Amino acid sequence: MGFFTDHQHTSITDTINTVTSRDDFAVDEELPNLLGLIKNCSSKYEYINNQEEAARALRKKLKYGSKLQARRAFDVLDLFVSQGIKMGALYNDAKLLERVSIIALGRATDARGEKYSPKQVKMVARSVLAWYDFIVSQGLEKSRTYEGLYQISLQVKKKYKRSRRTTFMEDAADKSIFASDLDPERHQTHPDDLYRIPQINVENEVPKIRMIITDGLATSVALKNALMVLPAGESSLDDPEATGKFEQARTIRRKVLRYLQVVTEGDYLGSLIHCNEELVAALTEYDERAGDSPKGSTMTSDVSDANNSYEDDPDHDEEESRSFQEEGSPVEDPFGDDKKI
């Protein structure tokens, strides 16, 4: 500890600096060593000081560090929590919690005045919500050890909870499929060029179309049944089963809309339209049971991908490297369809 500073600086800080500044090894490889340093103490007071030092070192990397340092610093914190390691002083460090909250909610910039990228916000928000699930599943909501983490996870959950609701009838795919034939924009060029609709052999897609129709009808019924048994006055957003069916129905509907762009005649056109109507009815019922949404609340959807690539699999979760390297413009809702948390 330096003579002119009140802040403890030991091998704990040095280890965190090393772990966060290199990417030639996994963070979890150094976790036992770092934990050993933090727990290497002769008293509870020293243990608290060690945790506070670790919290300060992590916060500085999150605020002042490079993208690599910030990512790996958060990885360290996330590993502590996800591994069930109890460190009350670290988890309740006000400045560290404030920095994590700022990133997860996209409220401010880093020390260089740069906005946190959408990918960065998404990664942190996803982890914070995982903390919430862990704390609740273990019955630790009233634990003093996890009090700070629980409070910021509630903030993040509250912010993005309603954004999971749907304004799915405003999807770009809907507009391109069901727009009026009198719309002059539809005659500016060939429809396939205007909407980038690919040409496919529908006959080869028949097995997939049948499966999508079957899955869509079954999922719409399952969602309606889940809503039917929902207690009066309870929001559908608070019911895990109903919300899970809602997400499944929305995903299948994106596939149905994509097929509707390329199936313009034949035996399956009517079935696809009927399937879409059933899904819309179920999704609308979920939306109504969710209660009033705040003004301006919307749900980002990747249904517009139907205009870009028919063969894209909307169920495919692109592997996230949890890197902060991507820069984006405005911070987007990390729970939109195109973010798949």
Protein backbone atom coordinates (compact mmCIF):
# COMPACT_ATOMS: atom_id res chain seq x y z
CA MET A 1 0.00 0.00 0.00
CA GLY A 2 1.49 3.33 -1.01
CA PHE A 3 2.29 6.01 1.55
CA PHE A 4 0.25 8.71 -0.21
CA THR A 5 -2.83 6.64 -0.97
CA ASP A 6 -5.70 5.26 1.03
CA HIS A 7 -6.27 2.49 -1.49
CA GLN A 8 -4.85 -0.94 -0.94
CA HIS A 9 -2.72 -2.19 -3.83
CA THR A 10 -1.44 -5.74 -3.59
CA SER A 11 -0.94 -8.73 -5.83
CA ILE A 12 -4.74 -8.84 -6.15
CA THR A 13 -4.71 -5.69 -8.27
CA ASP A 14 -1.64 -6.86 -10.17
CA THR A 15 -3.28 -10.19 -10.98
CA ILE A 16 -6.49 -8.53 -12.18
CA ASN A 17 -4.44 -6.16 -14.34
CA THR A 18 -2.65 -9.12 -15.91
CA VAL A 19 -5.76 -11.26 -16.40
CA THR A 20 -7.71 -8.43 -18.04
CA SER A 21 -4.89 -7.25 -20.29
CA ARG A 22 -4.15 -10.56 -22.01
CA ASP A 23 -6.37 -12.78 -24.12
CA ASP A 24 -4.06 -15.74 -24.66
CA PHE A 25 -5.74 -17.72 -21.90
CA ALA A 26 -9.25 -18.12 -20.52
CA VAL A 27 -10.25 -15.98 -17.57
CA ASP A 28 -11.41 -19.00 -15.59
CA GLU A 29 -7.89 -20.43 -15.66
CA GLU A 30 -6.74 -17.68 -13.31
CA LEU A 31 -9.85 -17.70 -11.15
CA PRO A 32 -8.48 -20.11 -8.49
CA ASN A 33 -5.30 -18.05 -8.17
CA LEU A 34 -7.21 -14.78 -7.82
CA LEU A 35 -9.60 -16.29 -5.30
CA GLY A 36 -6.67 -17.60 -3.31
CA LEU A 37 -5.18 -14.12 -3.11
CA ILE A 38 -8.48 -12.58 -2.00
CA LYS A 39 -9.08 -15.23 0.64
CA ASN A 40 -5.50 -15.22 1.87
CA CYS A 41 -6.19 -13.22 5.00
CA SER A 42 -5.94 -13.53 8.76
CA SER A 43 -9.09 -11.66 9.68
CA LYS A 44 -12.53 -10.73 8.43
CA TYR A 45 -11.40 -7.11 8.17
CA GLU A 46 -8.56 -8.07 5.85
CA TYR A 47 -10.90 -10.24 3.80
CA ILE A 48 -13.23 -7.28 3.30
CA ASN A 49 -10.29 -5.07 2.29
CA ASN A 50 -9.18 -7.66 -0.25
CA GLN A 51 -12.65 -7.77 -1.78
CA GLU A 52 -12.81 -3.99 -1.94
CA GLU A 53 -9.45 -3.93 -3.69
CA ALA A 54 -10.67 -6.46 -6.25
CA ALA A 55 -13.87 -4.48 -6.78
CA ARG A 56 -11.90 -1.29 -7.33
CA ALA A 57 -9.54 -2.95 -9.82
CA LEU A 58 -12.43 -4.43 -11.79
CA ARG A 59 -14.34 -1.14 -11.83
CA LYS A 60 -11.32 0.75 -13.16
CA LYS A 61 -10.98 -1.70 -16.03
CA LEU A 62 -14.69 -1.37 -16.81
CA LYS A 63 -14.51 2.41 -16.80
CA TYR A 64 -11.01 3.28 -17.98
CA GLY A 65 -9.77 0.11 -19.66
CA SER A 66 -9.72 -0.90 -23.30
CA LYS A 67 -12.52 -2.98 -24.76
CA LEU A 68 -10.51 -6.13 -24.08
CA GLN A 69 -9.83 -5.12 -20.49
CA ALA A 70 -13.45 -4.16 -19.89
CA ARG A 71 -14.75 -7.41 -21.32
CA ARG A 72 -12.39 -9.59 -19.32
CA ALA A 73 -12.96 -7.57 -16.15
CA PHE A 74 -16.67 -8.23 -16.42
CA ASP A 75 -15.95 -11.88 -17.18
CA VAL A 76 -14.09 -12.10 -13.86
CA LEU A 77 -17.03 -10.61 -11.97
CA ASP A 78 -19.50 -12.81 -13.83
CA LEU A 79 -17.49 -15.92 -12.96
CA PHE A 80 -17.45 -14.99 -9.28
CA VAL A 81 -21.24 -14.75 -9.26
CA SER A 82 -22.04 -17.70 -11.52
CA GLN A 83 -19.75 -20.00 -9.54
CA GLY A 84 -21.64 -19.16 -6.36
CA ILE A 85 -18.62 -17.59 -4.66
CA LYS A 86 -19.83 -15.51 -1.71
CA MET A 87 -18.09 -12.15 -1.50
CA GLY A 88 -20.47 -9.66 0.04
CA ALA A 89 -18.09 -6.70 0.07
CA LEU A 90 -17.32 -7.07 -3.63
CA TYR A 91 -20.93 -7.68 -4.66
CA ASN A 92 -22.09 -4.62 -2.74
CA ASP A 93 -19.37 -2.21 -3.81
CA ALA A 94 -21.39 0.87 -4.76
CA LYS A 95 -19.06 2.18 -7.46
CA LEU A 96 -18.67 -1.21 -9.12
CA LEU A 97 -22.42 -1.76 -9.10
CA GLU A 98 -22.97 1.69 -10.55
CA ARG A 99 -20.60 0.99 -13.44
CA VAL A 100 -22.22 -2.38 -14.19
CA SER A 101 -25.66 -0.76 -14.10
CA ILE A 102 -24.53 2.02 -16.43
CA ILE A 103 -23.33 -0.51 -18.99
CA ALA A 104 -26.34 -2.84 -18.71
CA LEU A 105 -28.80 0.02 -19.09
CA GLY A 106 -26.77 1.91 -21.69
CA ARG A 107 -27.10 5.10 -19.68
CA ALA A 108 -23.71 6.73 -20.10
CA THR A 109 -20.27 6.52 -21.67
CA ASP A 110 -16.92 5.23 -20.55
CA ALA A 111 -14.14 7.47 -19.27
CA ARG A 112 -13.16 8.31 -22.86
CA GLY A 113 -16.64 9.58 -23.63
CA GLU A 114 -17.39 6.64 -25.94
CA LYS A 115 -20.80 4.99 -25.89
CA TYR A 116 -20.93 1.37 -24.93
CA SER A 117 -21.72 -0.69 -28.01
CA PRO A 118 -25.03 -2.57 -28.34
CA LYS A 119 -23.13 -5.85 -28.16
CA GLN A 120 -21.44 -4.77 -24.96
CA VAL A 121 -24.74 -3.70 -23.42
CA LYS A 122 -26.37 -6.94 -24.50
CA MET A 123 -23.67 -9.10 -22.97
CA VAL A 124 -23.69 -7.32 -19.63
CA ALA A 125 -27.49 -7.15 -19.44
CA ARG A 126 -27.76 -10.83 -20.24
CA SER A 127 -25.36 -11.71 -17.44
CA VAL A 128 -27.07 -9.42 -14.94
CA LEU A 129 -30.40 -11.10 -15.67
CA ALA A 130 -28.70 -14.46 -15.20
CA TRP A 131 -27.64 -13.22 -11.76
CA TYR A 132 -31.27 -12.45 -11.02
CA ASP A 133 -32.31 -15.97 -12.00
CA PHE A 134 -29.54 -17.45 -9.86
CA ILE A 135 -30.40 -15.34 -6.80
CA VAL A 136 -34.12 -16.10 -7.06
CA SER A 137 -33.62 -19.81 -7.73
CA GLN A 138 -31.45 -20.07 -4.61
CA GLY A 139 -33.85 -18.04 -2.48
CA LEU A 140 -31.22 -15.37 -1.84
CA GLU A 141 -33.38 -12.30 -2.47
CA LYS A 142 -32.95 -11.17 1.15
CA SER A 143 -29.31 -12.20 1.46
CA ARG A 144 -27.04 -9.32 2.45
CA THR A 145 -24.27 -10.89 0.40
CA TYR A 146 -26.22 -10.57 -2.85
CA GLU A 147 -28.25 -7.48 -1.98
CA GLY A 148 -26.40 -5.16 -4.37
CA LEU A 149 -26.48 -7.61 -7.28
CA TYR A 150 -30.16 -8.29 -6.68
CA GLN A 151 -31.05 -4.61 -6.75
CA ILE A 152 -29.30 -3.84 -10.04
CA SER A 153 -30.70 -7.02 -11.58
CA LEU A 154 -34.18 -5.78 -10.66
CA GLN A 155 -33.43 -2.47 -12.41
CA VAL A 156 -32.31 -4.24 -15.57
CA LYS A 157 -35.23 -6.66 -15.47
CA LYS A 158 -37.69 -3.80 -15.02
CA LYS A 159 -36.23 -1.79 -17.90
CA TYR A 160 -36.33 -4.60 -20.42
CA LYS A 161 -39.32 -6.53 -19.12
CA ARG A 162 -41.92 -4.59 -21.07
CA SER A 163 -39.73 -4.34 -24.14
CA ARG A 164 -40.25 -8.09 -24.56
CA ARG A 165 -43.86 -7.32 -25.35
CA THR A 166 -44.90 -7.36 -28.91
CA THR A 167 -45.92 -4.84 -31.47
CA PHE A 168 -45.52 -7.69 -33.91
CA MET A 169 -48.16 -6.39 -36.31
CA GLU A 170 -45.78 -3.56 -37.11
CA ASP A 171 -43.16 -5.97 -38.41
CA ALA A 172 -41.57 -4.91 -41.66
CA ALA A 173 -42.39 -8.31 -43.07
CA ASP A 174 -46.08 -7.67 -42.45
CA LYS A 175 -45.87 -4.40 -44.32
CA SER A 176 -44.18 -5.96 -47.30
CA ILE A 177 -46.58 -8.89 -47.52
CA PHE A 178 -49.90 -7.26 -46.77
CA ALA A 179 -49.35 -3.77 -48.21
CA SER A 180 -52.06 -2.62 -50.58
CA ASP A 181 -51.63 -3.34 -54.25
CA LEU A 182 -52.51 0.30 -54.82
CA ASP A 183 -49.42 1.43 -52.94
CA PRO A 184 -47.35 3.24 -55.61
CA GLU A 185 -44.13 2.14 -53.97
CA ARG A 186 -44.96 -1.43 -54.88
CA HIS A 187 -44.74 -0.51 -58.56
CA GLN A 188 -41.43 1.28 -58.49
CA THR A 189 -39.66 -1.89 -59.54
CA HIS A 190 -40.15 -5.64 -59.70
CA PRO A 191 -41.39 -6.94 -56.33
CA ASP A 192 -38.59 -9.48 -56.08
CA ASP A 193 -36.07 -6.67 -56.46
CA LEU A 194 -37.90 -4.19 -54.26
CA TYR A 195 -38.24 -6.63 -51.38
CA ARG A 196 -35.25 -8.83 -52.23
CA ILE A 197 -37.46 -11.93 -52.22
CA PRO A 198 -35.49 -14.99 -53.33
CA GLN A 199 -36.75 -17.51 -55.84
CA ILE A 200 -37.13 -21.03 -54.47
CA ASN A 201 -38.57 -24.32 -55.59
CA VAL A 202 -41.70 -24.55 -53.45
CA GLU A 203 -42.11 -28.25 -54.15
CA ASN A 204 -38.79 -28.94 -52.47
CA GLU A 205 -39.94 -26.97 -49.44
CA VAL A 206 -43.21 -28.85 -48.95
CA PRO A 207 -41.98 -31.02 -46.03
CA LYS A 208 -40.69 -27.93 -44.22
CA ILE A 209 -43.89 -26.01 -44.93
CA ARG A 210 -46.01 -28.82 -43.52
CA MET A 211 -43.88 -28.94 -40.40
CA ILE A 212 -44.03 -25.16 -39.91
CA ILE A 213 -47.82 -25.17 -40.26
CA THR A 214 -48.17 -28.05 -37.79
CA ASP A 215 -45.78 -26.45 -35.31
CA GLY A 216 -47.44 -23.06 -35.69
CA LEU A 217 -50.94 -24.34 -35.00
CA ALA A 218 -49.76 -26.45 -32.07
CA THR A 219 -47.79 -23.58 -30.57
CA SER A 220 -50.69 -21.14 -30.88
CA VAL A 221 -52.93 -23.61 -29.04
CA ALA A 222 -50.27 -24.17 -26.37
CA LEU A 223 -49.90 -20.42 -25.82
CA LYS A 224 -53.65 -19.95 -25.53
CA ASN A 225 -53.86 -22.82 -23.04
CA ALA A 226 -51.06 -21.31 -20.95
CA LEU A 227 -52.92 -18.01 -20.88
CA MET A 228 -56.20 -19.73 -20.05
CA VAL A 229 -54.87 -21.11 -16.76
CA LEU A 230 -53.17 -17.84 -15.83
CA PRO A 231 -54.67 -16.48 -12.57
CA ALA A 232 -56.89 -13.45 -13.00
CA GLY A 233 -54.97 -10.23 -12.64
CA GLU A 234 -51.57 -11.83 -13.21
CA SER A 235 -49.49 -10.41 -16.05
CA SER A 236 -48.51 -12.84 -18.77
CA LEU A 237 -45.03 -11.33 -18.58
CA ASP A 238 -44.64 -12.82 -15.11
CA ASP A 239 -45.51 -16.35 -16.18
CA PRO A 240 -42.44 -18.28 -17.44
CA GLU A 241 -44.50 -20.89 -19.31
CA ALA A 242 -46.65 -18.35 -21.13
CA THR A 243 -43.63 -16.21 -21.97
CA GLY A 244 -41.76 -19.25 -23.28
CA LYS A 245 -44.70 -20.18 -25.52
CA PHE A 246 -44.92 -16.56 -26.64
CA GLU A 247 -41.29 -16.53 -27.75
CA GLN A 248 -41.75 -19.86 -29.52
CA ALA A 249 -44.87 -18.64 -31.31
CA ARG A 250 -43.16 -15.45 -32.41
CA THR A 251 -40.20 -17.39 -33.80
CA ILE A 252 -42.45 -19.74 -35.76
CA ARG A 253 -44.48 -16.82 -37.08
CA ARG A 254 -41.33 -15.32 -38.57
CA LYS A 255 -40.86 -18.54 -40.54
CA VAL A 256 -44.49 -18.49 -41.65
CA LEU A 257 -44.12 -14.92 -42.88
CA ARG A 258 -41.04 -15.86 -44.85
CA TYR A 259 -42.88 -18.66 -46.59
CA LEU A 260 -45.80 -16.34 -47.30
CA GLN A 261 -43.42 -14.18 -49.28
CA VAL A 262 -42.55 -16.98 -51.66
CA VAL A 263 -45.68 -19.17 -51.63
CA THR A 264 -48.14 -17.13 -53.69
CA GLU A 265 -50.43 -19.93 -54.85
CA GLY A 266 -51.15 -23.61 -54.39
CA ASP A 267 -52.49 -25.85 -51.66
CA TYR A 268 -50.38 -24.45 -48.85
CA LEU A 269 -51.08 -20.75 -49.26
CA GLY A 270 -54.39 -20.93 -47.41
CA SER A 271 -52.89 -23.10 -44.68
CA LEU A 272 -50.03 -20.66 -44.16
CA ILE A 273 -52.43 -17.73 -43.94
CA HIS A 274 -54.60 -19.61 -41.44
CA CYS A 275 -51.55 -20.55 -39.38
CA ASN A 276 -50.41 -16.93 -39.33
CA GLU A 277 -53.87 -15.80 -38.19
CA GLU A 278 -53.89 -18.30 -35.32
CA LEU A 279 -50.43 -17.22 -34.21
CA VAL A 280 -51.43 -13.56 -34.36
CA ALA A 281 -54.51 -14.28 -32.25
CA ALA A 282 -52.47 -16.08 -29.60
CA LEU A 283 -49.74 -13.43 -29.57
CA THR A 284 -52.34 -10.68 -29.30
CA GLU A 285 -53.97 -12.41 -26.34
CA TYR A 286 -50.59 -12.64 -24.61
CA ASP A 287 -50.04 -8.96 -25.30
CA GLU A 288 -53.43 -8.06 -23.84
CA ARG A 289 -52.80 -10.12 -20.71
CA ALA A 290 -49.49 -8.32 -20.22
CA GLY A 291 -51.25 -5.08 -19.30
CA ASP A 292 -50.76 -1.56 -20.56
CA SER A 293 -47.36 -0.85 -22.04
CA PRO A 294 -45.57 2.45 -21.44
CA LYS A 295 -45.84 5.04 -24.18
CA GLY A 296 -43.38 4.40 -26.96
CA SER A 297 -42.55 0.87 -25.84
CA THR A 298 -41.67 -1.31 -28.81
CA MET A 299 -40.15 -4.68 -29.48
CA THR A 300 -37.31 -4.87 -31.93
CA SER A 301 -37.97 -7.73 -34.34
CA ASP A 302 -35.84 -9.49 -36.86
CA VAL A 303 -38.83 -10.45 -38.96
CA SER A 304 -37.54 -7.98 -41.51
CA ASP A 305 -34.82 -10.52 -42.20
CA ALA A 306 -37.46 -12.19 -44.36
CA ASN A 307 -36.82 -9.43 -46.86
CA ASN A 308 -33.12 -10.16 -46.87
CA SER A 309 -32.66 -13.91 -46.82
CA TYR A 310 -35.29 -16.63 -46.92
CA GLU A 311 -32.80 -19.30 -46.01
CA ASP A 312 -31.64 -17.65 -42.78
CA ASP A 313 -32.63 -19.78 -39.84
CA PRO A 314 -34.36 -17.50 -37.32
CA ASP A 315 -33.86 -20.07 -34.59
CA HIS A 316 -30.11 -19.97 -35.00
CA ASP A 317 -28.37 -18.16 -32.17
CA GLU A 318 -25.25 -16.66 -33.63
CA GLU A 319 -22.35 -17.56 -31.37
CA GLU A 320 -21.40 -14.55 -29.30
CA SER A 321 -17.72 -14.26 -28.47
CA ARG A 322 -18.63 -11.81 -25.70
CA SER A 323 -16.30 -9.31 -27.24
CA PHE A 324 -16.59 -5.56 -26.96
CA GLN A 325 -14.94 -5.07 -30.35
CA GLU A 326 -18.16 -4.27 -32.20
CA GLU A 327 -19.14 -0.65 -32.21
CA GLY A 328 -22.77 0.20 -32.84
CA SER A 329 -24.75 3.33 -33.00
CA PRO A 330 -27.62 3.74 -30.62
CA VAL A 331 -27.96 1.21 -27.86
CA GLU A 332 -30.67 -1.25 -28.79
CA ASP A 333 -32.86 -3.38 -26.62
CA PRO A 334 -30.81 -6.51 -25.84
CA PHE A 335 -34.02 -8.48 -25.67
CA GLY A 336 -35.27 -7.80 -29.18
CA ASP A 337 -35.66 -10.72 -31.51
CA ASP A 338 -32.43 -9.86 -33.27
CA LYS A 339 -30.63 -10.09 -29.96
CA LYS A 340 -32.05 -13.44 -28.74
CA ILE A 341 -31.10 -13.57 -25.13
